[in-house]
Structure formats: C-alpha cells, structure tokens
Amino acid sequence: MFKRILIANRGEVALRVLRACREMGIETVAVFSEADSGANYLELADKAICIGPAKSADSYLKINRIISACEVGEADAVHPGYGFLSENAHFADVCRSCNYEFIGPTSEAMALVGDKNTAKEVAKRANVPCVPGSDGLIQSETQALSFAHKVGFPVLIKATAGGGGRGMRIARDAAQLSTALAQAVQEAQNAFGNGGVYLEKLIEAPRHVEVQIIADTFGNVVHLWERDCSMQRRHQKLLEESPAPNLKPYVRNAMCEAAVRIVKEAKYTNAGTVEFIVDKEQNFYFIEMNARIQVEHPVTEMVTGIDLIKAQIRVAAGEPLPFKQSDVKQRGHSIECRINAEDPTHNFRPCPGTIEKLVVPGGFGVRFDSHVHAGYTVSPVYDSMIGKLIVHQPTRREAIECMRRCLNELTVEGIKTSAPVQLQILEHKDFQEGNVDTSFIERKLMKSG
C-alpha cells in the first residue's frame, strides 16, 4: 500500500480523497493555487504545496509543477480526482515514468476510451449497440451532408475529445448543418485543442443512464449498477439518482453487462463510467466512457455501500477487488443535487463571492460533500460547484421527500445557488413519477420561468 498520496486537484474532490486516505492510514500531499491558499481542507493534509497562480493553466494543469510537488512532498502515488488532468494520458505516463503511481487506468486504456470515436469502435467489438454515427471523423461539409441524408435529420455534431456539452451542436436540416459544423469545430479546438468532430443520429429526448465499473489488474471487472443523470441543463448535470427510475429490470441488467464487456475489451483497470442514452422504447446506446471517478459517484456508494475512492486506491496499489459481482446489491434509493454558485433567475450565470452564512442539513441518510464554509470566497476562476447534497432512503419517494426537506434547510447567504431549481425538479409531478429525459429542465421548467 502507498505511504503518501499527492492529490492533484482542489475543492470538494480533494477533500473527499484526503478523507479516504486518512481512514486508510495513508499520508497526503495537497497542492493548491494562490487562489485556494486559505482553504480549510489544506490543514488536514500532511503537506500542502503551492503550485502557482489562480489560473488553472498556470497551476492545476501544469504537469511539471505537480511532478515537482510529488518530489518535494515525497509522494509515491497521485490521485487526479475529476476534471483538470484526470483524463490526460500524457500526465498518467509522466507520473509513472517518474515512479509515482497514477491512481487510474493505464495511459493506453485511457487514450483508447477517452477519444469518443475510438471508444465507439471498442463498444462495437464488444457487441454493444451504438447510436448510428459517421464512419470516423468528419473531414468536410460534403461528408457531413452525405451522412445526414443517409440516416435522416436531425443529427448531432460531437467533439471527439469533448465533454460537458462543448463542441456539441444539433442540426435539424441541411441549412443548419453548415453553420453548426463550423461552430462545433471551432469550439472543440478552443476548448480541447482538438477540432475533430463526428456525427450521430440525434435520439430525441433520451434518458442519460451511466454504469459505474471498477476493474483490478487481475482481470476482475465488476459493475456497481447504474445512475440516471437525465436532469441536465445544456449538457451539465444538476441532479443524479440511483437506481434509474422506471427502467425495466432486463434493460438494467443488459446495460450493466454491456458496460463490463466494454471495459474488458479495452483492458481497462481502476474506476470508470460507461455512459449510455436510452430512447423512449428503452433501447440503449453507448455514447462514451469516462476514465476517472465522477462527480456523482456518491449515489453509487450509498446504494452499494462501497467506498469508490478507497477501491481506486487499493486497485492502484495492486490489490485484487475484495468483492465479486454477486456481492454488489442495490439497496434503497439515493439522489444527489449539485449545489452550484449560480443564479437561476439570470440564466444560471456564475455567482462568485463570499459565503456569509452556511447552514448544512443533516439527519438520517443525509450527506453533504463540500469544502466550503461560512467566510469562504467562491472564486470566479474555477467550476461553480460548491458542494453535493446526497440523500439515501429506503424508497425513491422517501428519497425525494428527504431531499426536498434538505434543500429547504440548506442556507447559503452571500451568493445565489442552484437549489431553487432543484426543488422545482423534485416537486414536479413528472419527475416524481419517474418520467425523465435530458430535455426535462428546458421543456418543463425553463419555459414556465
């Protein structure tokens, strides 16, 4: 087992990893930018090292500075968290070449599943259904038009190196395709340094369902069931739950088994998430795989009782999984709300500033994963998420009622948060009945104001 782990991240996920390490008797090195120098969680680390200015490109994304921090902090492994360098195959390679174990998949597997185009080829070899898509990357407008006419409009343009909805556009006819294609390529180039895009047939109003997996280096691959992440606004998740409501049992089982086949085909190890969309007839299609721990991993932890961060660390240290597939059961229902520093009344614009008062809900089955506190200043430089409110109850109905109570208890003064919209979601009759899809918020909440 590792003696000391460097956490190459910040905020909520840095604190989450730090706590898991402390419970495992592992020392920690926290890195921080100048903007995060006053964060309380830094005091819990055995060492805290500044790696640069506030801007991510000059701190959390600087590979050489993180490697230097590993050396100064005498770490023997690196946990990347999510975001930043967590899915950077080059970073994983550099860590291992410098004798710091990267807590994640091999760089080869990461590169394979990290590119959406090659990931689809892996899925096809694993006999997993994919959304009808272009044969490789789109090289010209003529090629895009040819594909669109073949499968029929509407089509979805997607960045091969994309995420979070960037480099993604919908074209409903030939006139829209030209403009949408140029916009997607430019946005992808600006966001990821890779302007490659491909086309897919657009599945209207799908559900977004993903499967959590964990794989060790001995060939054991286990799924930890599914999460429904359909509550999104502009491809950004606001609320996640497990199990997915109204999903037929045979579909759930088939999807989870498909995720395991993809992971085995990719020779993937450590934690990852295989993502699918599900149409109105409950046909499912593979869309991508995330080679890291995800923001919404707590709902899986709550329904399975498995600590995913600890599992990641043990697998990276060369230990076999301590459980097999038949051991992993879904118990009860869990919901997570991402509490973001955003103003829903002004088109969800970021709302940085100082938190003047913070009252966190509690009670049976309630968890609040957050690094913020009263007096904490939310920086405009980083992601707007300030915490994750998670509940776990015996039934979905009880989980909804518990989350409603918790959101009403949650008090954050000094900044606006996304909590009012999440309350609207929970109080909507269609959500309560499990009638969800990725356009739910725009269609059912935004139009009504």
Protein backbone atom coordinates (compact mmCIF):
# COMPACT_ATOMS: atom_id res chain seq x y z
CA MET A 1 0.00 0.00 0.00
CA PHE A 2 1.07 3.56 -0.67
CA LYS A 3 2.69 5.55 2.10
CA ARG A 4 1.81 9.03 0.79
CA ILE A 5 -0.55 10.17 -1.99
CA LEU A 6 -0.48 13.54 -3.72
CA ILE A 7 -3.95 14.82 -4.61
CA ALA A 8 -3.67 16.64 -7.94
CA ASN A 9 -6.91 18.55 -7.57
CA ARG A 10 -8.78 21.06 -5.44
CA GLY A 11 -12.02 21.70 -3.58
CA GLU A 12 -14.62 19.06 -2.83
CA VAL A 13 -12.89 16.15 -4.56
CA ALA A 14 -9.53 16.94 -2.95
CA LEU A 15 -11.18 16.79 0.47
CA ARG A 16 -13.02 13.58 -0.48
CA VAL A 17 -9.75 11.83 -1.41
CA LEU A 18 -7.95 13.26 1.61
CA ARG A 19 -10.55 11.82 3.99
CA ALA A 20 -10.39 8.38 2.37
CA CYS A 21 -6.60 8.37 2.65
CA ARG A 22 -6.71 9.35 6.31
CA GLU A 23 -9.09 6.48 7.08
CA MET A 24 -6.71 4.10 5.29
CA GLY A 25 -3.69 5.35 7.24
CA ILE A 26 -2.15 6.93 4.14
CA GLU A 27 -0.42 10.32 4.37
CA THR A 28 -1.39 13.06 1.92
CA VAL A 29 0.11 15.93 -0.03
CA ALA A 30 -2.36 18.64 -1.08
CA VAL A 31 -1.50 21.05 -3.87
CA PHE A 32 -3.12 24.44 -4.19
CA SER A 33 -3.13 27.58 -6.29
CA GLU A 34 -2.69 31.05 -4.84
CA ALA A 35 -6.48 31.49 -5.04
CA ASP A 36 -7.00 28.40 -2.83
CA SER A 37 -4.31 29.23 -0.28
CA GLY A 38 -6.81 29.81 2.54
CA ALA A 39 -8.88 26.64 2.01
CA ASN A 40 -9.57 24.85 5.30
CA TYR A 41 -9.03 21.34 3.92
CA LEU A 42 -5.35 22.09 3.31
CA GLU A 43 -4.84 21.95 7.07
CA LEU A 44 -5.89 18.28 7.07
CA ALA A 45 -3.11 17.24 4.68
CA ASP A 46 0.31 16.16 5.92
CA LYS A 47 1.88 18.60 3.46
CA ALA A 48 0.40 21.42 1.36
CA ILE A 49 2.34 22.83 -1.58
CA CYS A 50 1.52 25.88 -3.70
CA ILE A 51 1.83 25.12 -7.43
CA GLY A 52 1.11 28.51 -8.98
CA PRO A 53 -1.33 31.37 -9.65
CA ALA A 54 -5.11 31.12 -9.64
CA LYS A 55 -5.48 30.36 -13.34
CA SER A 56 -5.75 26.59 -13.86
CA ALA A 57 -3.40 26.67 -16.84
CA ASP A 58 -0.70 28.02 -14.54
CA SER A 59 -1.33 25.68 -11.61
CA TYR A 60 -3.63 22.63 -11.62
CA LEU A 61 -2.92 21.90 -15.30
CA LYS A 62 0.86 22.32 -15.02
CA ILE A 63 2.23 18.79 -15.15
CA ASN A 64 5.81 19.79 -14.32
CA ARG A 65 4.69 21.63 -11.17
CA ILE A 66 2.66 18.68 -9.95
CA ILE A 67 5.58 16.31 -10.52
CA SER A 68 7.84 18.73 -8.63
CA ALA A 69 5.31 18.74 -5.78
CA CYS A 70 5.44 14.92 -5.76
CA GLU A 71 9.19 15.11 -5.34
CA VAL A 72 9.15 17.80 -2.66
CA GLY A 73 6.24 16.13 -0.86
CA GLU A 74 7.84 12.66 -1.09
CA ALA A 75 4.68 11.11 -2.53
CA ASP A 76 4.60 7.67 -4.09
CA ALA A 77 1.25 7.97 -5.90
CA VAL A 78 -1.02 10.60 -7.45
CA HIS A 79 -4.82 10.74 -7.29
CA PRO A 80 -6.12 13.05 -10.05
CA GLY A 81 -9.74 13.42 -8.85
CA TYR A 82 -12.03 14.57 -11.66
CA GLY A 83 -11.51 17.37 -14.18
CA PHE A 84 -8.14 19.03 -14.71
CA LEU A 85 -5.59 16.29 -15.61
CA SER A 86 -7.71 13.30 -14.57
CA GLU A 87 -8.17 12.03 -18.15
CA ASN A 88 -4.85 13.19 -19.55
CA ALA A 89 -3.00 10.08 -20.76
CA HIS A 90 0.26 12.01 -21.04
CA PHE A 91 0.02 13.02 -17.38
CA ALA A 92 -0.55 9.40 -16.38
CA ASP A 93 2.52 8.41 -18.40
CA VAL A 94 4.68 11.13 -16.85
CA CYS A 95 3.63 10.16 -13.32
CA ARG A 96 4.53 6.52 -13.85
CA SER A 97 7.78 7.29 -15.68
CA CYS A 98 8.82 9.33 -12.64
CA ASN A 99 7.91 6.39 -10.34
CA TYR A 100 4.72 7.94 -8.98
CA GLU A 101 1.81 5.54 -9.44
CA PHE A 102 -1.16 7.16 -11.18
CA ILE A 103 -4.41 6.14 -9.47
CA GLY A 104 -6.40 5.41 -12.59
CA PRO A 105 -6.23 3.32 -15.77
CA THR A 106 -3.17 2.76 -17.94
CA SER A 107 -2.41 5.59 -20.34
CA GLU A 108 -3.14 3.21 -23.26
CA ALA A 109 -6.61 2.35 -21.98
CA MET A 110 -7.28 5.99 -21.10
CA ALA A 111 -6.37 7.15 -24.60
CA LEU A 112 -8.46 4.37 -26.15
CA VAL A 113 -11.69 5.15 -24.29
CA GLY A 114 -11.02 8.88 -23.92
CA ASP A 115 -11.44 9.51 -27.63
CA LYS A 116 -15.15 9.07 -28.35
CA ASN A 117 -14.53 7.84 -31.88
CA THR A 118 -12.15 5.03 -30.87
CA ALA A 119 -14.32 4.25 -27.83
CA LYS A 120 -17.21 3.51 -30.18
CA GLU A 121 -15.03 1.03 -32.05
CA VAL A 122 -14.28 -0.70 -28.73
CA ALA A 123 -18.03 -0.85 -27.99
CA LYS A 124 -18.78 -2.34 -31.39
CA ARG A 125 -16.14 -5.04 -30.90
CA ALA A 126 -17.77 -5.79 -27.54
CA ASN A 127 -21.13 -6.20 -29.29
CA VAL A 128 -22.63 -3.16 -27.58
CA PRO A 129 -25.14 -1.04 -29.54
CA CYS A 130 -24.04 2.46 -30.53
CA VAL A 131 -26.02 5.39 -31.91
CA PRO A 132 -25.74 5.35 -35.73
CA GLY A 133 -22.75 7.58 -36.42
CA SER A 134 -20.32 8.72 -39.08
CA ASP A 135 -17.52 6.41 -40.13
CA GLY A 136 -14.69 8.19 -38.36
CA LEU A 137 -14.19 11.94 -38.07
CA ILE A 138 -15.89 14.38 -40.40
CA GLN A 139 -13.41 15.90 -42.85
CA SER A 140 -15.73 18.12 -44.90
CA GLU A 141 -19.19 19.66 -45.07
CA THR A 142 -19.97 17.42 -48.06
CA GLN A 143 -19.21 14.32 -45.99
CA ALA A 144 -21.42 15.63 -43.16
CA LEU A 145 -24.31 16.25 -45.56
CA SER A 146 -23.96 12.79 -47.05
CA PHE A 147 -24.19 11.15 -43.61
CA ALA A 148 -27.14 13.33 -42.55
CA HIS A 149 -29.12 12.45 -45.67
CA LYS A 150 -28.31 8.76 -45.14
CA VAL A 151 -29.60 8.50 -41.54
CA GLY A 152 -32.04 11.42 -41.71
CA PHE A 153 -32.19 14.71 -39.81
CA PRO A 154 -31.85 15.74 -37.04
CA VAL A 155 -28.19 14.92 -36.41
CA LEU A 156 -25.86 15.65 -33.53
CA ILE A 157 -22.34 17.02 -34.08
CA LYS A 158 -19.95 15.97 -31.29
CA ALA A 159 -16.33 16.76 -30.50
CA THR A 160 -14.25 13.59 -30.36
CA ALA A 161 -12.23 14.97 -27.42
CA GLY A 162 -15.22 16.73 -25.89
CA GLY A 163 -17.11 16.85 -22.64
CA GLY A 164 -19.64 18.98 -20.79
CA GLY A 165 -21.52 19.80 -23.99
CA ARG A 166 -18.67 21.76 -25.56
CA GLY A 167 -18.14 21.11 -29.24
CA MET A 168 -21.69 19.77 -29.49
CA ARG A 169 -24.37 21.11 -31.86
CA ILE A 170 -27.74 19.94 -33.25
CA ALA A 171 -28.63 20.36 -36.93
CA ARG A 172 -32.26 19.80 -37.90
CA ASP A 173 -31.84 20.43 -41.61
CA ALA A 174 -29.16 20.98 -44.28
CA ALA A 175 -29.27 24.75 -43.82
CA GLN A 176 -28.36 24.44 -40.12
CA LEU A 177 -25.67 21.82 -40.69
CA SER A 178 -23.07 24.09 -42.28
CA THR A 179 -23.16 26.70 -39.52
CA ALA A 180 -23.44 24.14 -36.70
CA LEU A 181 -20.49 22.15 -38.05
CA ALA A 182 -18.22 25.21 -38.19
CA GLN A 183 -19.27 26.27 -34.68
CA ALA A 184 -18.66 22.81 -33.21
CA VAL A 185 -15.21 22.52 -34.80
CA GLN A 186 -14.17 25.96 -33.57
CA GLU A 187 -15.49 25.40 -30.05
CA ALA A 188 -13.80 21.99 -29.83
CA GLN A 189 -10.50 23.46 -31.00
CA ASN A 190 -10.70 26.26 -28.43
CA ALA A 191 -11.77 24.01 -25.54
CA PHE A 192 -9.69 20.89 -26.14
CA GLY A 193 -7.01 21.80 -28.67
CA ASN A 194 -8.61 19.20 -30.93
CA GLY A 195 -11.15 20.28 -33.56
CA GLY A 196 -12.09 16.74 -34.58
CA VAL A 197 -15.85 16.09 -34.73
CA TYR A 198 -18.12 13.26 -35.77
CA LEU A 199 -21.85 12.97 -36.42
CA GLU A 200 -24.55 10.86 -34.84
CA LYS A 201 -28.23 10.39 -35.48
CA LEU A 202 -29.99 12.50 -32.82
CA ILE A 203 -32.07 10.45 -30.40
CA GLU A 204 -34.83 12.86 -29.36
CA ALA A 205 -35.50 13.37 -25.62
CA PRO A 206 -33.36 10.44 -24.41
CA ARG A 207 -32.51 9.47 -20.88
CA HIS A 208 -28.86 9.62 -19.83
CA VAL A 209 -28.00 6.49 -17.87
CA GLU A 210 -24.46 5.53 -16.89
CA VAL A 211 -22.90 2.45 -15.33
CA GLN A 212 -20.18 2.61 -12.68
CA ILE A 213 -17.45 -0.01 -13.01
CA ILE A 214 -14.31 -0.97 -11.10
CA ALA A 215 -11.66 -3.31 -12.50
CA ASP A 216 -8.50 -4.66 -10.92
CA THR A 217 -5.22 -5.74 -12.53
CA PHE A 218 -6.11 -9.44 -12.18
CA GLY A 219 -8.83 -9.35 -14.83
CA ASN A 220 -11.76 -8.90 -12.43
CA VAL A 221 -14.37 -6.40 -13.67
CA VAL A 222 -17.42 -5.55 -11.57
CA HIS A 223 -20.24 -3.10 -12.27
CA LEU A 224 -21.81 -1.18 -9.40
CA TRP A 225 -25.12 -0.70 -11.18
CA GLU A 226 -26.43 2.42 -12.85
CA ARG A 227 -27.15 6.10 -12.25
CA ASP A 228 -29.73 8.23 -14.04
CA CYS A 229 -28.23 11.61 -14.95
CA SER A 230 -31.03 12.91 -17.16
CA MET A 231 -31.61 16.09 -15.16
CA GLN A 232 -29.35 18.34 -17.21
CA ARG A 233 -29.23 21.89 -18.44
CA ARG A 234 -27.12 22.46 -21.56
CA HIS A 235 -25.49 19.05 -21.03
CA GLN A 236 -24.47 19.96 -17.46
CA LYS A 237 -25.84 17.58 -14.82
CA LEU A 238 -27.82 19.09 -11.95
CA LEU A 239 -29.31 16.04 -10.24
CA GLU A 240 -28.42 12.34 -10.33
CA GLU A 241 -30.04 9.28 -8.81
CA SER A 242 -29.65 5.54 -8.41
CA PRO A 243 -31.34 3.25 -9.28
CA ALA A 244 -32.66 4.78 -12.51
CA PRO A 245 -36.46 5.16 -12.18
CA ASN A 246 -38.83 3.14 -14.38
CA LEU A 247 -36.01 1.22 -16.04
CA LYS A 248 -37.09 -2.31 -16.93
CA PRO A 249 -35.04 -4.89 -14.99
CA TYR A 250 -33.89 -6.73 -18.11
CA VAL A 251 -32.72 -3.42 -19.63
CA ARG A 252 -30.82 -2.54 -16.44
CA ASN A 253 -29.09 -5.93 -16.42
CA ALA A 254 -28.28 -5.86 -20.13
CA MET A 255 -26.82 -2.34 -19.89
CA CYS A 256 -24.63 -3.21 -16.91
CA GLU A 257 -23.39 -6.37 -18.63
CA ALA A 258 -22.64 -4.33 -21.77
CA ALA A 259 -20.56 -1.91 -19.69
CA VAL A 260 -18.48 -4.79 -18.33
CA ARG A 261 -17.87 -6.12 -21.87
CA ILE A 262 -16.59 -2.70 -23.00
CA VAL A 263 -14.23 -2.46 -20.03
CA LYS A 264 -12.84 -5.93 -20.68
CA GLU A 265 -12.42 -5.21 -24.39
CA ALA A 266 -10.47 -2.02 -23.57
CA LYS A 267 -8.31 -3.86 -20.99
CA TYR A 268 -9.28 -1.07 -18.62
CA THR A 269 -8.42 -1.02 -14.91
CA ASN A 270 -9.48 1.10 -11.92
CA ALA A 271 -12.74 3.09 -11.70
CA GLY A 272 -14.61 4.32 -14.75
CA THR A 273 -18.08 5.10 -16.02
CA VAL A 274 -19.70 3.79 -19.18
CA GLU A 275 -22.39 6.16 -20.44
CA PHE A 276 -25.50 5.35 -22.45
CA ILE A 277 -28.56 7.08 -23.79
CA VAL A 278 -31.91 5.31 -23.57
CA ASP A 279 -34.72 6.03 -26.01
CA LYS A 280 -38.46 6.01 -25.34
CA GLU A 281 -38.68 2.28 -26.11
CA GLN A 282 -35.82 1.65 -23.63
CA ASN A 283 -33.32 0.73 -26.31
CA PHE A 284 -29.90 1.76 -25.04
CA TYR A 285 -26.88 3.01 -26.97
CA PHE A 286 -23.29 3.51 -25.85
CA ILE A 287 -22.10 7.13 -26.15
CA GLU A 288 -18.82 7.45 -24.23
CA MET A 289 -16.69 6.32 -21.31
CA ASN A 290 -15.15 8.48 -18.60
CA ALA A 291 -11.77 7.22 -17.41
CA ARG A 292 -11.94 8.66 -13.89
CA ILE A 293 -14.07 8.94 -10.79
CA GLN A 294 -17.17 11.07 -11.43
CA VAL A 295 -18.81 13.91 -9.54
CA GLU A 296 -21.90 11.77 -8.93
CA HIS A 297 -20.10 8.72 -7.53
CA PRO A 298 -21.66 9.17 -4.02
CA VAL A 299 -25.10 7.94 -5.13
CA THR A 300 -23.48 4.66 -6.17
CA GLU A 301 -21.62 4.49 -2.86
CA MET A 302 -24.85 4.99 -0.95
CA VAL A 303 -26.83 2.24 -2.70
CA THR A 304 -23.98 -0.30 -2.80
CA GLY A 305 -22.13 0.50 0.44
CA ILE A 306 -18.80 0.52 -1.43
CA ASP A 307 -16.31 3.37 -0.97
CA LEU A 308 -15.16 4.03 -4.53
CA ILE A 309 -12.17 6.21 -3.65
CA LYS A 310 -10.76 3.53 -1.34
CA ALA A 311 -11.43 0.92 -4.04
CA GLN A 312 -9.49 3.04 -6.55
CA ILE A 313 -6.52 3.29 -4.22
CA ARG A 314 -6.47 -0.43 -3.43
CA VAL A 315 -6.65 -1.40 -7.12
CA ALA A 316 -3.82 1.03 -7.99
CA ALA A 317 -1.73 -0.49 -5.19
CA GLY A 318 -2.06 -3.88 -6.88
CA GLU A 319 -4.71 -5.44 -4.65
CA PRO A 320 -7.49 -7.61 -6.11
CA LEU A 321 -11.10 -6.49 -5.72
CA PRO A 322 -12.38 -7.68 -2.34
CA PHE A 323 -15.86 -8.37 -3.76
CA LYS A 324 -17.36 -10.15 -6.76
CA GLN A 325 -20.36 -9.24 -8.90
CA SER A 326 -22.84 -11.28 -6.87
CA ASP A 327 -21.84 -9.33 -3.74
CA VAL A 328 -22.90 -5.95 -5.19
CA LYS A 329 -26.57 -5.22 -4.46
CA GLN A 330 -28.67 -2.08 -4.88
CA ARG A 331 -30.17 -1.11 -1.54
CA GLY A 332 -32.67 1.71 -1.28
CA HIS A 333 -32.56 4.88 -3.38
CA SER A 334 -30.08 7.77 -3.49
CA ILE A 335 -30.35 11.25 -5.01
CA GLU A 336 -27.59 13.84 -5.40
CA CYS A 337 -28.06 17.55 -6.08
CA ARG A 338 -25.06 19.53 -7.26
CA ILE A 339 -25.15 22.82 -5.38
CA ASN A 340 -23.66 25.35 -7.79
CA ALA A 341 -22.84 29.01 -7.22
CA GLU A 342 -25.19 30.15 -10.00
CA ASP A 343 -28.15 32.49 -10.30
CA PRO A 344 -31.08 30.54 -11.85
CA THR A 345 -33.12 33.73 -12.23
CA HIS A 346 -30.48 35.16 -14.59
CA ASN A 347 -29.88 32.23 -16.93
CA PHE A 348 -27.68 30.39 -14.42
CA ARG A 349 -24.91 32.95 -14.62
CA PRO A 350 -21.98 32.23 -12.27
CA CYS A 351 -22.33 33.82 -8.85
CA PRO A 352 -18.90 34.01 -7.20
CA GLY A 353 -18.46 35.84 -3.91
CA THR A 354 -18.14 35.29 -0.20
CA ILE A 355 -20.46 32.89 1.63
CA GLU A 356 -21.66 34.91 4.58
CA LYS A 357 -23.73 32.19 6.23
CA LEU A 358 -23.91 28.43 5.66
CA VAL A 359 -26.39 26.07 7.30
CA VAL A 360 -25.99 22.46 6.18
CA PRO A 361 -28.87 19.96 6.52
CA GLY A 362 -28.43 16.65 8.34
CA GLY A 363 -30.45 13.72 9.60
CA PHE A 364 -30.84 10.06 8.71
CA GLY A 365 -29.32 9.20 5.34
CA VAL A 366 -28.05 12.73 4.59
CA ARG A 367 -24.54 13.53 3.33
CA PHE A 368 -23.05 16.88 2.26
CA ASP A 369 -19.74 16.64 0.39
CA SER A 370 -18.25 20.13 0.30
CA HIS A 371 -15.11 22.10 1.06
CA VAL A 372 -16.86 25.44 1.65
CA HIS A 373 -17.76 27.15 4.92
CA ALA A 374 -19.04 30.48 6.18
CA GLY A 375 -16.47 33.08 5.17
CA TYR A 376 -15.29 31.05 2.17
CA THR A 377 -14.90 33.04 -1.06
CA VAL A 378 -16.09 31.27 -4.21
CA SER A 379 -13.61 32.12 -6.95
CA PRO A 380 -14.78 33.07 -10.47
CA VAL A 381 -11.78 31.14 -11.85
CA TYR A 382 -13.00 27.57 -11.18
CA ASP A 383 -16.07 25.41 -11.64
CA SER A 384 -19.14 26.80 -9.89
CA MET A 385 -19.97 23.68 -7.86
CA ILE A 386 -19.63 24.38 -4.12
CA GLY A 387 -20.95 21.07 -2.83
CA LYS A 388 -23.02 17.95 -3.33
CA LEU A 389 -26.10 17.21 -1.26
CA ILE A 390 -26.79 13.48 -1.16
CA VAL A 391 -29.63 11.54 0.46
CA HIS A 392 -30.23 7.80 0.81
CA GLN A 393 -33.59 6.35 1.81
CA PRO A 394 -35.41 3.01 1.52
CA THR A 395 -37.56 4.12 -1.44
CA ARG A 396 -37.45 6.72 -4.22
CA ARG A 397 -40.49 8.50 -2.79
CA GLU A 398 -38.80 8.80 0.60
CA ALA A 399 -35.56 9.97 -1.04
CA ILE A 400 -37.44 12.72 -2.88
CA GLU A 401 -39.15 13.90 0.28
CA CYS A 402 -35.88 13.81 2.22
CA MET A 403 -34.09 15.83 -0.46
CA ARG A 404 -36.92 18.39 -0.54
CA ARG A 405 -36.59 18.81 3.20
CA CYS A 406 -32.81 19.14 2.95
CA LEU A 407 -32.90 21.72 0.14
CA ASN A 408 -35.32 23.81 2.20
CA GLU A 409 -32.98 23.53 5.20
CA LEU A 410 -29.86 24.41 3.23
CA THR A 411 -28.97 28.06 3.76
CA VAL A 412 -26.29 29.77 1.71
CA GLU A 413 -26.20 33.54 2.16
CA GLY A 414 -24.00 35.93 0.20
CA ILE A 415 -24.30 34.12 -3.15
CA LYS A 416 -27.07 32.56 -5.23
CA THR A 417 -27.21 28.79 -5.75
CA SER A 418 -28.95 26.23 -7.98
CA ALA A 419 -31.02 24.86 -5.06
CA PRO A 420 -34.32 26.58 -6.06
CA VAL A 421 -34.31 24.85 -9.47
CA GLN A 422 -33.55 21.50 -7.88
CA LEU A 423 -36.54 21.99 -5.61
CA GLN A 424 -38.67 22.68 -8.69
CA ILE A 425 -37.46 19.44 -10.24
CA LEU A 426 -38.29 17.41 -7.14
CA GLU A 427 -41.74 18.96 -6.84
CA HIS A 428 -42.68 18.35 -10.49
CA LYS A 429 -45.26 15.60 -10.98
CA ASP A 430 -43.44 14.07 -13.96
CA PHE A 431 -40.17 13.78 -12.05
CA GLN A 432 -41.96 12.24 -9.09
CA GLU A 433 -43.42 9.63 -11.45
CA GLY A 434 -40.01 8.94 -12.98
CA ASN A 435 -40.87 10.41 -16.38
CA VAL A 436 -37.47 11.95 -17.08
CA ASP A 437 -35.27 12.78 -20.07
CA THR A 438 -32.38 15.13 -20.85
CA SER A 439 -34.69 17.89 -22.12
CA PHE A 440 -36.82 17.87 -18.94
CA ILE A 441 -35.47 21.11 -17.46
CA GLU A 442 -35.71 23.14 -20.68
CA ARG A 443 -39.15 21.80 -21.60
CA LYS A 444 -40.87 21.66 -18.24
CA LEU A 445 -39.15 24.24 -16.03
CA MET A 446 -37.43 26.95 -18.07
CA LYS A 447 -40.44 27.73 -20.25
CA SER A 448 -42.56 28.30 -17.18
CA GLY A 449 -39.84 30.52 -15.68
